[in-house]
Amino acid sequence: MERNRSWVHNALRGTALGALVGIALIGIGVIRALVTLLGGGRFAPFTNADWRLLVFYVGGFAFVGGILGAVRIQERGRTAIVFGAMAAGIVVMFAFVAGDKGGLSGMDRLDWIVLPALGALFGAAAAYGYLRR
């Protein structure tokens, strides 16, 4: 029973941390938007499509955080961290697309090749930065 509780606790903690990462990245975008507005720029008002994209964005990070927290990726070695981060990058990239207007059905053949490759590349970069500390 203790092992199950620990697994659930790690998954919930990872989900919370993943959501916080997504929210923090959105916060960086908000700061950039404020700088643009203070400089005299203009933006179109937020629509439901924009909110949907933000929900999928944060949800993708939360989902990945829960998975990585549940499998305790940081305790499994350097290779597991790299491959876990690469898989996480792929999931987050697909979450971005799922939140977009056309969703996954709007993707063409090239998107199915490029998006996982980019996600894996971003995940590997994140793992590299994590392991260098």
N, C-alpha and C. Protein backbone atom coordinates (compact mmCIF):
# COMPACT_ATOMS: atom_id res chain seq x y z
N MET A 1 0.82 -1.20 0.00
CA MET A 1 0.00 0.00 0.00
C MET A 1 0.86 1.26 0.00
N GLU A 2 1.96 1.21 0.76
CA GLU A 2 2.85 2.38 0.82
C GLU A 2 3.44 2.69 -0.55
N ARG A 3 3.76 1.65 -1.32
CA ARG A 3 4.33 1.87 -2.65
C ARG A 3 3.31 2.55 -3.56
N ASN A 4 2.05 2.14 -3.52
CA ASN A 4 1.01 2.77 -4.33
C ASN A 4 0.82 4.23 -3.95
N ARG A 5 0.82 4.50 -2.66
CA ARG A 5 0.66 5.88 -2.21
C ARG A 5 1.83 6.73 -2.70
N SER A 6 3.01 6.17 -2.65
CA SER A 6 4.19 6.89 -3.12
C SER A 6 4.09 7.16 -4.62
N TRP A 7 3.61 6.16 -5.39
CA TRP A 7 3.47 6.32 -6.83
C TRP A 7 2.46 7.42 -7.15
N VAL A 8 1.34 7.41 -6.46
CA VAL A 8 0.30 8.41 -6.68
C VAL A 8 0.82 9.79 -6.27
N HIS A 9 1.50 9.84 -5.13
CA HIS A 9 2.05 11.12 -4.65
C HIS A 9 3.03 11.69 -5.68
N ASN A 10 3.91 10.86 -6.20
CA ASN A 10 4.88 11.33 -7.20
C ASN A 10 4.18 11.79 -8.48
N ALA A 11 3.14 11.07 -8.90
CA ALA A 11 2.40 11.47 -10.11
C ALA A 11 1.71 12.81 -9.90
N LEU A 12 1.08 13.00 -8.74
CA LEU A 12 0.40 14.27 -8.46
C LEU A 12 1.40 15.42 -8.35
N ARG A 13 2.51 15.15 -7.71
CA ARG A 13 3.54 16.18 -7.60
C ARG A 13 4.10 16.55 -8.98
N GLY A 14 4.33 15.54 -9.82
CA GLY A 14 4.81 15.82 -11.17
C GLY A 14 3.79 16.58 -11.99
N THR A 15 2.51 16.26 -11.83
CA THR A 15 1.45 16.98 -12.53
C THR A 15 1.43 18.45 -12.12
N ALA A 16 1.52 18.69 -10.82
CA ALA A 16 1.53 20.08 -10.34
C ALA A 16 2.74 20.83 -10.85
N LEU A 17 3.91 20.20 -10.81
CA LEU A 17 5.12 20.88 -11.29
C LEU A 17 5.05 21.12 -12.79
N GLY A 18 4.51 20.15 -13.55
CA GLY A 18 4.36 20.34 -14.99
C GLY A 18 3.42 21.50 -15.31
N ALA A 19 2.31 21.58 -14.57
CA ALA A 19 1.38 22.69 -14.78
C ALA A 19 2.03 24.02 -14.44
N LEU A 20 2.84 24.04 -13.38
CA LEU A 20 3.54 25.28 -13.02
C LEU A 20 4.53 25.70 -14.09
N VAL A 21 5.20 24.74 -14.71
CA VAL A 21 6.12 25.07 -15.81
C VAL A 21 5.34 25.69 -16.96
N GLY A 22 4.22 25.08 -17.33
CA GLY A 22 3.39 25.63 -18.41
C GLY A 22 2.90 27.04 -18.09
N ILE A 23 2.46 27.25 -16.86
CA ILE A 23 1.98 28.57 -16.45
C ILE A 23 3.12 29.58 -16.44
N ALA A 24 4.30 29.15 -15.99
CA ALA A 24 5.45 30.06 -15.98
C ALA A 24 5.83 30.48 -17.40
N LEU A 25 5.78 29.54 -18.33
CA LEU A 25 6.11 29.89 -19.72
C LEU A 25 5.06 30.83 -20.30
N ILE A 26 3.81 30.65 -19.95
CA ILE A 26 2.78 31.60 -20.37
C ILE A 26 3.04 32.96 -19.74
N GLY A 27 3.49 32.97 -18.48
CA GLY A 27 3.82 34.22 -17.81
C GLY A 27 4.91 34.99 -18.53
N ILE A 28 5.89 34.29 -19.07
CA ILE A 28 6.93 34.95 -19.86
C ILE A 28 6.30 35.61 -21.09
N GLY A 29 5.37 34.93 -21.73
CA GLY A 29 4.67 35.51 -22.88
C GLY A 29 3.86 36.72 -22.49
N VAL A 30 3.24 36.68 -21.31
CA VAL A 30 2.45 37.83 -20.83
C VAL A 30 3.36 39.03 -20.61
N ILE A 31 4.54 38.81 -20.03
CA ILE A 31 5.48 39.90 -19.82
C ILE A 31 5.92 40.50 -21.16
N ARG A 32 6.19 39.65 -22.12
CA ARG A 32 6.57 40.15 -23.45
C ARG A 32 5.42 40.95 -24.08
N ALA A 33 4.19 40.48 -23.89
CA ALA A 33 3.04 41.20 -24.43
C ALA A 33 2.89 42.57 -23.75
N LEU A 34 3.12 42.62 -22.45
CA LEU A 34 3.04 43.90 -21.74
C LEU A 34 4.10 44.88 -22.24
N VAL A 35 5.29 44.39 -22.49
CA VAL A 35 6.34 45.25 -23.03
C VAL A 35 5.92 45.79 -24.40
N THR A 36 5.33 44.93 -25.21
CA THR A 36 4.85 45.37 -26.53
C THR A 36 3.75 46.42 -26.39
N LEU A 37 2.82 46.18 -25.47
CA LEU A 37 1.74 47.15 -25.28
C LEU A 37 2.27 48.48 -24.76
N LEU A 38 3.23 48.43 -23.86
CA LEU A 38 3.81 49.67 -23.34
C LEU A 38 4.59 50.41 -24.42
N GLY A 39 5.07 49.68 -25.41
CA GLY A 39 5.79 50.29 -26.53
C GLY A 39 4.86 50.81 -27.61
N GLY A 40 3.55 50.69 -27.41
CA GLY A 40 2.60 51.22 -28.38
C GLY A 40 2.00 50.18 -29.30
N GLY A 41 2.34 48.92 -29.12
CA GLY A 41 1.78 47.86 -29.96
C GLY A 41 0.36 47.53 -29.58
N ARG A 42 -0.31 46.79 -30.43
CA ARG A 42 -1.70 46.40 -30.19
C ARG A 42 -1.86 44.90 -30.45
N PHE A 43 -2.84 44.32 -29.77
CA PHE A 43 -3.18 42.91 -29.94
C PHE A 43 -4.68 42.78 -30.15
N ALA A 44 -5.07 41.73 -30.84
CA ALA A 44 -6.50 41.42 -30.96
C ALA A 44 -6.98 40.87 -29.62
N PRO A 45 -8.23 41.07 -29.27
CA PRO A 45 -8.74 40.55 -28.01
C PRO A 45 -8.70 39.02 -27.98
N PHE A 46 -8.63 38.48 -26.77
CA PHE A 46 -8.60 37.03 -26.59
C PHE A 46 -9.92 36.41 -27.04
N THR A 47 -9.83 35.28 -27.70
CA THR A 47 -11.02 34.55 -28.13
C THR A 47 -11.06 33.20 -27.42
N ASN A 48 -12.14 32.45 -27.62
CA ASN A 48 -12.23 31.11 -27.04
C ASN A 48 -11.15 30.19 -27.59
N ALA A 49 -10.77 30.38 -28.84
CA ALA A 49 -9.70 29.57 -29.43
C ALA A 49 -8.38 29.80 -28.71
N ASP A 50 -8.12 31.05 -28.30
CA ASP A 50 -6.90 31.35 -27.55
C ASP A 50 -6.90 30.67 -26.19
N TRP A 51 -8.05 30.71 -25.51
CA TRP A 51 -8.14 30.04 -24.21
C TRP A 51 -7.97 28.54 -24.36
N ARG A 52 -8.54 27.98 -25.42
CA ARG A 52 -8.41 26.54 -25.66
C ARG A 52 -6.95 26.16 -25.84
N LEU A 53 -6.22 26.96 -26.60
CA LEU A 53 -4.80 26.69 -26.82
C LEU A 53 -4.02 26.75 -25.51
N LEU A 54 -4.32 27.73 -24.66
CA LEU A 54 -3.63 27.84 -23.37
C LEU A 54 -3.94 26.64 -22.47
N VAL A 55 -5.18 26.17 -22.49
CA VAL A 55 -5.55 25.01 -21.67
C VAL A 55 -4.81 23.77 -22.14
N PHE A 56 -4.73 23.56 -23.45
CA PHE A 56 -3.99 22.41 -23.96
C PHE A 56 -2.50 22.55 -23.67
N TYR A 57 -1.98 23.76 -23.72
CA TYR A 57 -0.57 24.02 -23.44
C TYR A 57 -0.24 23.61 -22.00
N VAL A 58 -0.97 24.15 -21.04
CA VAL A 58 -0.72 23.83 -19.64
C VAL A 58 -1.06 22.36 -19.37
N GLY A 59 -2.14 21.87 -19.99
CA GLY A 59 -2.50 20.47 -19.81
C GLY A 59 -1.45 19.52 -20.33
N GLY A 60 -0.81 19.85 -21.43
CA GLY A 60 0.27 19.01 -21.97
C GLY A 60 1.43 18.93 -21.01
N PHE A 61 1.83 20.07 -20.45
CA PHE A 61 2.91 20.06 -19.48
C PHE A 61 2.52 19.30 -18.22
N ALA A 62 1.28 19.46 -17.76
CA ALA A 62 0.82 18.76 -16.56
C ALA A 62 0.79 17.25 -16.80
N PHE A 63 0.31 16.84 -17.96
CA PHE A 63 0.25 15.41 -18.30
C PHE A 63 1.64 14.79 -18.30
N VAL A 64 2.57 15.46 -18.95
CA VAL A 64 3.95 14.97 -19.01
C VAL A 64 4.57 14.95 -17.62
N GLY A 65 4.34 16.00 -16.83
CA GLY A 65 4.87 16.02 -15.47
C GLY A 65 4.35 14.87 -14.64
N GLY A 66 3.08 14.53 -14.81
CA GLY A 66 2.51 13.40 -14.07
C GLY A 66 3.15 12.08 -14.46
N ILE A 67 3.37 11.89 -15.74
CA ILE A 67 4.00 10.64 -16.20
C ILE A 67 5.43 10.55 -15.69
N LEU A 68 6.20 11.62 -15.88
CA LEU A 68 7.59 11.58 -15.43
C LEU A 68 7.70 11.48 -13.92
N GLY A 69 6.78 12.09 -13.20
CA GLY A 69 6.78 11.95 -11.75
C GLY A 69 6.44 10.54 -11.31
N ALA A 70 5.50 9.91 -12.01
CA ALA A 70 5.07 8.56 -11.63
C ALA A 70 6.18 7.53 -11.85
N VAL A 71 6.94 7.68 -12.91
CA VAL A 71 7.99 6.69 -13.17
C VAL A 71 9.32 7.06 -12.52
N ARG A 72 9.32 8.19 -11.81
CA ARG A 72 10.52 8.65 -11.08
C ARG A 72 11.74 8.67 -12.00
N ILE A 73 11.61 9.41 -13.07
CA ILE A 73 12.62 9.42 -14.12
C ILE A 73 13.99 9.84 -13.60
N GLN A 74 14.06 10.73 -12.62
CA GLN A 74 15.35 11.21 -12.15
C GLN A 74 16.12 10.15 -11.37
N GLU A 75 15.48 9.06 -10.98
CA GLU A 75 16.16 8.00 -10.23
C GLU A 75 16.64 6.87 -11.13
N ARG A 76 16.42 6.95 -12.40
CA ARG A 76 16.71 5.83 -13.29
C ARG A 76 17.98 6.01 -14.13
N GLY A 77 18.69 7.08 -13.99
CA GLY A 77 19.94 7.26 -14.71
C GLY A 77 19.86 8.28 -15.83
N ARG A 78 21.03 8.61 -16.37
CA ARG A 78 21.13 9.66 -17.38
C ARG A 78 20.39 9.32 -18.66
N THR A 79 20.50 8.08 -19.12
CA THR A 79 19.84 7.69 -20.37
C THR A 79 18.32 7.78 -20.23
N ALA A 80 17.81 7.34 -19.09
CA ALA A 80 16.37 7.41 -18.86
C ALA A 80 15.89 8.86 -18.82
N ILE A 81 16.70 9.74 -18.25
CA ILE A 81 16.32 11.15 -18.20
C ILE A 81 16.24 11.72 -19.61
N VAL A 82 17.22 11.39 -20.45
CA VAL A 82 17.23 11.92 -21.82
C VAL A 82 16.04 11.39 -22.60
N PHE A 83 15.80 10.07 -22.56
CA PHE A 83 14.68 9.51 -23.32
C PHE A 83 13.34 9.94 -22.74
N GLY A 84 13.25 10.08 -21.43
CA GLY A 84 12.01 10.58 -20.82
C GLY A 84 11.72 12.00 -21.24
N ALA A 85 12.75 12.84 -21.27
CA ALA A 85 12.56 14.23 -21.68
C ALA A 85 12.22 14.31 -23.17
N MET A 86 12.81 13.44 -23.98
CA MET A 86 12.48 13.43 -25.41
C MET A 86 11.02 13.03 -25.61
N ALA A 87 10.57 12.00 -24.90
CA ALA A 87 9.16 11.58 -25.00
C ALA A 87 8.24 12.70 -24.50
N ALA A 88 8.65 13.38 -23.44
CA ALA A 88 7.86 14.50 -22.92
C ALA A 88 7.75 15.61 -23.95
N GLY A 89 8.84 15.91 -24.63
CA GLY A 89 8.81 16.94 -25.67
C GLY A 89 7.85 16.59 -26.79
N ILE A 90 7.82 15.32 -27.16
CA ILE A 90 6.90 14.88 -28.22
C ILE A 90 5.45 15.06 -27.77
N VAL A 91 5.15 14.66 -26.55
CA VAL A 91 3.78 14.79 -26.04
C VAL A 91 3.36 16.25 -25.98
N VAL A 92 4.26 17.13 -25.52
CA VAL A 92 3.91 18.55 -25.42
C VAL A 92 3.68 19.14 -26.81
N MET A 93 4.50 18.76 -27.79
CA MET A 93 4.29 19.26 -29.16
C MET A 93 2.92 18.85 -29.69
N PHE A 94 2.52 17.60 -29.44
CA PHE A 94 1.20 17.17 -29.89
C PHE A 94 0.09 17.86 -29.11
N ALA A 95 0.34 18.22 -27.85
CA ALA A 95 -0.65 18.98 -27.09
C ALA A 95 -0.86 20.36 -27.70
N PHE A 96 0.24 20.98 -28.17
CA PHE A 96 0.11 22.27 -28.85
C PHE A 96 -0.79 22.14 -30.07
N VAL A 97 -0.54 21.12 -30.86
CA VAL A 97 -1.31 20.94 -32.10
C VAL A 97 -2.76 20.59 -31.80
N ALA A 98 -2.98 19.76 -30.77
CA ALA A 98 -4.35 19.38 -30.43
C ALA A 98 -5.16 20.58 -29.99
N GLY A 99 -4.52 21.56 -29.37
CA GLY A 99 -5.22 22.75 -28.94
C GLY A 99 -5.47 23.75 -30.05
N ASP A 100 -4.79 23.58 -31.16
CA ASP A 100 -4.96 24.51 -32.28
C ASP A 100 -6.30 24.29 -32.96
N LYS A 101 -6.65 25.18 -33.86
CA LYS A 101 -7.97 25.19 -34.50
C LYS A 101 -8.33 23.86 -35.16
N GLY A 102 -7.46 23.33 -36.01
CA GLY A 102 -7.76 22.09 -36.73
C GLY A 102 -7.52 20.84 -35.91
N GLY A 103 -6.78 20.96 -34.82
CA GLY A 103 -6.47 19.80 -34.00
C GLY A 103 -5.57 18.82 -34.73
N LEU A 104 -5.52 17.61 -34.22
CA LEU A 104 -4.68 16.58 -34.83
C LEU A 104 -5.15 16.19 -36.22
N SER A 105 -6.45 16.33 -36.48
CA SER A 105 -6.97 15.96 -37.80
C SER A 105 -6.53 16.93 -38.88
N GLY A 106 -6.09 18.12 -38.48
CA GLY A 106 -5.64 19.11 -39.45
C GLY A 106 -4.18 18.95 -39.85
N MET A 107 -3.52 17.94 -39.30
CA MET A 107 -2.10 17.74 -39.61
C MET A 107 -1.93 16.99 -40.93
N ASP A 108 -0.90 17.36 -41.68
CA ASP A 108 -0.59 16.60 -42.88
C ASP A 108 0.58 15.67 -42.60
N ARG A 109 1.04 14.95 -43.62
CA ARG A 109 2.09 13.96 -43.43
C ARG A 109 3.39 14.55 -42.89
N LEU A 110 3.76 15.70 -43.40
CA LEU A 110 5.01 16.32 -42.95
C LEU A 110 4.93 16.71 -41.47
N ASP A 111 3.76 17.17 -41.03
CA ASP A 111 3.60 17.52 -39.61
C ASP A 111 3.84 16.32 -38.71
N TRP A 112 3.38 15.15 -39.13
CA TRP A 112 3.55 13.94 -38.33
C TRP A 112 5.02 13.53 -38.24
N ILE A 113 5.85 14.03 -39.13
CA ILE A 113 7.29 13.75 -39.09
C ILE A 113 8.02 14.85 -38.32
N VAL A 114 7.71 16.09 -38.63
CA VAL A 114 8.46 17.21 -38.06
C VAL A 114 8.15 17.43 -36.59
N LEU A 115 6.89 17.37 -36.20
CA LEU A 115 6.54 17.67 -34.81
C LEU A 115 7.18 16.72 -33.80
N PRO A 116 7.14 15.40 -34.02
CA PRO A 116 7.84 14.54 -33.06
C PRO A 116 9.35 14.79 -33.05
N ALA A 117 9.92 15.08 -34.22
CA ALA A 117 11.36 15.35 -34.27
C ALA A 117 11.70 16.61 -33.48
N LEU A 118 10.90 17.67 -33.66
CA LEU A 118 11.13 18.89 -32.90
C LEU A 118 10.91 18.68 -31.40
N GLY A 119 9.87 17.95 -31.06
CA GLY A 119 9.61 17.67 -29.65
C GLY A 119 10.75 16.89 -29.01
N ALA A 120 11.26 15.89 -29.73
CA ALA A 120 12.38 15.12 -29.21
C ALA A 120 13.63 16.00 -29.07
N LEU A 121 13.84 16.88 -30.03
CA LEU A 121 14.99 17.78 -29.97
C LEU A 121 14.88 18.73 -28.77
N PHE A 122 13.70 19.33 -28.58
CA PHE A 122 13.51 20.22 -27.43
C PHE A 122 13.65 19.46 -26.11
N GLY A 123 13.12 18.23 -26.07
CA GLY A 123 13.26 17.42 -24.86
C GLY A 123 14.70 17.06 -24.57
N ALA A 124 15.45 16.72 -25.62
CA ALA A 124 16.87 16.41 -25.43
C ALA A 124 17.63 17.64 -24.95
N ALA A 125 17.27 18.80 -25.46
CA ALA A 125 17.92 20.03 -25.01
C ALA A 125 17.60 20.30 -23.54
N ALA A 126 16.37 20.04 -23.13
CA ALA A 126 16.00 20.22 -21.73
C ALA A 126 16.76 19.24 -20.84
N ALA A 127 16.88 17.99 -21.29
CA ALA A 127 17.63 16.99 -20.52
C ALA A 127 19.10 17.38 -20.42
N TYR A 128 19.66 17.88 -21.51
CA TYR A 128 21.06 18.32 -21.51
C TYR A 128 21.27 19.42 -20.48
N GLY A 129 20.38 20.38 -20.46
CA GLY A 129 20.47 21.46 -19.48
C GLY A 129 20.30 20.95 -18.06
N TYR A 130 19.37 20.02 -17.87
CA TYR A 130 19.13 19.46 -16.54
C TYR A 130 20.35 18.69 -16.06
N LEU A 131 20.95 17.91 -16.94
CA LEU A 131 22.09 17.08 -16.54
C LEU A 131 23.38 17.88 -16.37
N ARG A 132 23.47 19.04 -16.95
CA ARG A 132 24.68 19.88 -16.81
C ARG A 132 24.75 20.56 -15.46
N ARG A 133 23.67 20.68 -14.77
CA ARG A 133 23.67 21.45 -13.51
C ARG A 133 24.47 20.77 -12.44
